[in-house]
């Protein structure tokens, strides 16, 4: 279990990467809860998230700190990464939307995003914080993420993005052998 306490938020994340897709998520942001539940279900991750944030200010700190804590939990769950596939990608269509995510659990955080949303807010989350969630996750997990999405409906675009992220994580953490997946011998 990973926790993060600041003057703005209190976040607790419990993550099992060899799970069955069970989740219990309560961030105070219904749309973020929905996205994280989708990550758990499609990534076959068992995920518990409890967050309290300064939502009277806005959603930014809660979204960011949940992503940072989830990334730390993922990094810890992977240990030295022996035997994992490490790199993976996924494409997910959702009605009008198509999302693509490619990632590398290299230990080197980097993010390239091609995300455009038409509305300023999706549910109760500012659309600009969707990309910020992905960036914060990449930094704290130590992963390289390239993600793009296109479509007409912002809800569909965001949901396809999180589902593609889930499928790529699920594939990348799959154990395939007993070696460190790097020519350097270390990740």
Protein backbone atom coordinates (compact mmCIF):
# COMPACT_ATOMS: atom_id res chain seq x y z
CA UNK A 1 0.00 0.00 0.00
CA UNK A 2 1.23 3.48 -0.88
CA UNK A 3 0.06 6.69 0.72
CA UNK A 4 0.58 10.35 -0.05
CA UNK A 5 -0.28 13.09 2.39
CA UNK A 6 0.03 16.77 1.58
CA UNK A 7 -1.70 19.91 2.79
CA UNK A 8 -3.99 19.49 -0.25
CA UNK A 9 -4.69 15.75 -0.37
CA UNK A 10 -4.61 12.44 1.43
CA UNK A 11 -4.37 9.44 -0.91
CA UNK A 12 -4.16 5.71 -0.20
CA UNK A 13 -3.61 3.17 -3.01
CA UNK A 14 -3.45 -0.60 -2.70
CA UNK A 15 -2.54 -2.35 -5.96
CA UNK A 16 -2.20 -6.01 -6.89
CA UNK A 17 -0.89 -6.39 -10.46
CA UNK A 18 -1.72 -10.11 -10.58
CA UNK A 19 -5.34 -9.47 -9.78
CA UNK A 20 -8.73 -10.21 -11.25
CA UNK A 21 -10.04 -6.70 -11.97
CA UNK A 22 -11.67 -5.95 -8.61
CA UNK A 23 -11.78 -2.34 -7.51
CA UNK A 24 -12.93 -0.07 -4.75
CA UNK A 25 -12.36 3.56 -5.70
CA UNK A 26 -13.45 6.71 -3.94
CA UNK A 27 -11.67 9.93 -4.91
CA UNK A 28 -14.56 12.35 -4.53
CA UNK A 29 -14.53 12.72 -8.33
CA UNK A 30 -17.07 10.46 -10.00
CA UNK A 31 -15.44 10.59 -13.44
CA UNK A 32 -11.98 9.78 -12.06
CA UNK A 33 -13.49 6.89 -10.07
CA UNK A 34 -15.07 5.59 -13.29
CA UNK A 35 -11.74 5.79 -15.17
CA UNK A 36 -9.80 4.03 -12.38
CA UNK A 37 -12.43 1.29 -12.10
CA UNK A 38 -12.01 0.79 -15.85
CA UNK A 39 -8.22 0.54 -15.47
CA UNK A 40 -8.65 -2.12 -12.79
CA UNK A 41 -11.22 -4.16 -14.73
CA UNK A 42 -9.47 -4.10 -18.10
CA UNK A 43 -5.95 -4.31 -16.67
CA UNK A 44 -6.92 -7.23 -14.41
CA UNK A 45 -5.54 -5.24 -11.51
CA UNK A 46 -7.00 -5.36 -8.03
CA UNK A 47 -7.14 -1.71 -7.05
CA UNK A 48 -8.26 0.14 -3.97
CA UNK A 49 -8.07 3.94 -3.97
CA UNK A 50 -9.21 6.22 -1.19
CA UNK A 51 -8.59 9.93 -1.69
CA UNK A 52 -9.61 13.14 0.00
CA UNK A 53 -8.59 16.34 -1.67
CA UNK A 54 -9.25 20.06 -1.72
CA UNK A 55 -12.12 19.73 -4.19
CA UNK A 56 -13.44 23.08 -3.00
CA UNK A 57 -10.45 24.52 -4.91
CA UNK A 58 -10.75 22.23 -7.96
CA UNK A 59 -9.92 18.71 -9.11
CA UNK A 60 -6.26 19.26 -10.04
CA UNK A 61 -4.53 18.25 -6.79
CA UNK A 62 -6.67 15.14 -6.32
CA UNK A 63 -6.16 13.95 -9.91
CA UNK A 64 -2.42 14.58 -9.74
CA UNK A 65 -1.84 12.98 -6.35
CA UNK A 66 -3.92 9.91 -7.16
CA UNK A 67 -1.82 9.43 -10.31
CA UNK A 68 1.45 9.93 -8.42
CA UNK A 69 0.45 7.45 -5.72
CA UNK A 70 -0.81 4.88 -8.23
CA UNK A 71 2.47 5.18 -10.14
CA UNK A 72 4.47 4.61 -6.94
CA UNK A 73 2.35 1.56 -6.15
CA UNK A 74 2.94 0.17 -9.66
CA UNK A 75 6.67 0.77 -9.44
CA UNK A 76 6.83 -0.97 -6.06
CA UNK A 77 4.71 -3.91 -7.26
CA UNK A 78 7.11 -4.52 -10.16
CA UNK A 79 10.19 -4.89 -7.93
CA UNK A 80 13.29 -5.35 -10.08
CA UNK A 81 11.03 -6.21 -13.07
CA UNK A 82 12.55 -9.66 -13.56
CA UNK A 83 10.76 -11.56 -16.29
CA UNK A 84 8.19 -8.93 -17.30
CA UNK A 85 7.46 -8.19 -20.91
CA UNK A 86 8.24 -4.51 -20.18
CA UNK A 87 6.98 -2.90 -23.41
CA UNK A 88 3.43 -3.08 -24.68
CA UNK A 89 0.78 -1.22 -26.62
CA UNK A 90 -2.97 -1.26 -27.06
CA UNK A 91 -5.60 0.30 -29.29
CA UNK A 92 -9.14 0.67 -28.00
CA UNK A 93 -12.15 1.84 -30.01
CA UNK A 94 -15.17 3.17 -28.17
CA UNK A 95 -17.94 4.17 -30.54
CA UNK A 96 -16.59 7.31 -32.28
CA UNK A 97 -13.30 7.34 -30.35
CA UNK A 98 -10.03 5.51 -30.91
CA UNK A 99 -7.22 5.56 -28.34
CA UNK A 100 -3.70 4.21 -28.69
CA UNK A 101 -1.25 3.75 -25.82
CA UNK A 102 2.30 2.45 -26.09
CA UNK A 103 4.41 2.19 -22.96
CA UNK A 104 7.76 1.00 -21.68
CA UNK A 105 8.33 0.20 -18.00
CA UNK A 106 11.94 1.26 -18.49
CA UNK A 107 12.40 3.30 -15.33
CA UNK A 108 12.78 6.39 -17.52
CA UNK A 109 9.71 8.63 -17.33
CA UNK A 110 8.68 10.36 -20.52
CA UNK A 111 5.31 11.25 -21.94
CA UNK A 112 4.14 12.14 -25.44
CA UNK A 113 0.44 12.95 -25.63
CA UNK A 114 -1.84 13.74 -28.54
CA UNK A 115 -5.08 14.43 -26.70
CA UNK A 116 -7.67 16.98 -27.71
CA UNK A 117 -10.90 17.43 -25.85
CA UNK A 118 -13.67 19.78 -26.96
CA UNK A 119 -15.18 20.48 -23.56
CA UNK A 120 -13.39 22.06 -20.62
CA UNK A 121 -14.83 19.49 -18.20
CA UNK A 122 -15.70 15.79 -18.51
CA UNK A 123 -18.05 14.88 -15.70
CA UNK A 124 -16.38 16.53 -12.71
CA UNK A 125 -12.79 16.45 -14.03
CA UNK A 126 -11.23 19.19 -16.11
CA UNK A 127 -10.25 17.72 -19.45
CA UNK A 128 -6.74 19.20 -19.16
CA UNK A 129 -6.24 17.01 -16.10
CA UNK A 130 -6.71 13.82 -18.14
CA UNK A 131 -3.32 14.38 -19.77
CA UNK A 132 -1.87 15.56 -16.47
CA UNK A 133 -2.95 12.26 -14.88
CA UNK A 134 -1.05 10.31 -17.57
CA UNK A 135 2.05 12.51 -17.16
CA UNK A 136 2.04 12.21 -13.37
CA UNK A 137 1.57 8.44 -13.57
CA UNK A 138 4.51 8.13 -15.98
CA UNK A 139 6.79 10.17 -13.73
CA UNK A 140 6.07 8.28 -10.52
CA UNK A 141 5.95 4.81 -12.12
CA UNK A 142 9.09 5.48 -14.15
CA UNK A 143 7.50 4.63 -17.46
CA UNK A 144 7.53 5.99 -20.95
CA UNK A 145 4.01 6.56 -22.32
CA UNK A 146 2.95 7.62 -25.79
CA UNK A 147 -0.80 8.12 -26.02
CA UNK A 148 -3.17 9.51 -28.59
CA UNK A 149 -6.90 9.69 -28.96
CA UNK A 150 -9.32 10.97 -31.56
CA UNK A 151 -13.08 11.09 -31.77
CA UNK A 152 -16.09 13.35 -31.20
CA UNK A 153 -17.35 12.51 -27.73
CA UNK A 154 -15.00 13.55 -24.90
CA UNK A 155 -16.31 10.91 -22.49
CA UNK A 156 -15.67 8.20 -25.07
CA UNK A 157 -12.21 9.56 -25.84
CA UNK A 158 -11.16 9.63 -22.18
CA UNK A 159 -12.63 6.20 -21.45
CA UNK A 160 -10.96 4.63 -24.50
CA UNK A 161 -7.67 6.21 -23.37
CA UNK A 162 -7.89 4.70 -19.87
CA UNK A 163 -8.91 1.31 -21.26
CA UNK A 164 -5.95 1.34 -23.66
CA UNK A 165 -3.69 2.29 -20.75
CA UNK A 166 -5.08 -0.63 -18.76
CA UNK A 167 -4.55 -3.15 -21.55
CA UNK A 168 -1.00 -1.93 -22.20
CA UNK A 169 -0.11 -2.16 -18.50
CA UNK A 170 -1.67 -5.63 -18.30
CA UNK A 171 0.47 -6.79 -21.23
CA UNK A 172 3.68 -5.04 -20.07
CA UNK A 173 3.63 -6.58 -16.57
CA UNK A 174 3.06 -10.09 -17.92
CA UNK A 175 5.85 -12.43 -16.82
CA UNK A 176 7.43 -14.12 -19.84
CA UNK A 177 10.85 -15.30 -18.62
CA UNK A 178 13.21 -15.00 -15.65
CA UNK A 179 15.55 -12.29 -16.88
CA UNK A 180 15.71 -8.53 -16.44
CA UNK A 181 14.29 -7.29 -19.78
CA UNK A 182 17.21 -5.02 -20.65
CA UNK A 183 20.56 -5.32 -22.41
CA UNK A 184 21.93 -3.28 -19.49
CA UNK A 185 20.92 -6.06 -17.08
CA UNK A 186 19.09 -3.51 -14.91
CA UNK A 187 16.01 -1.33 -15.17
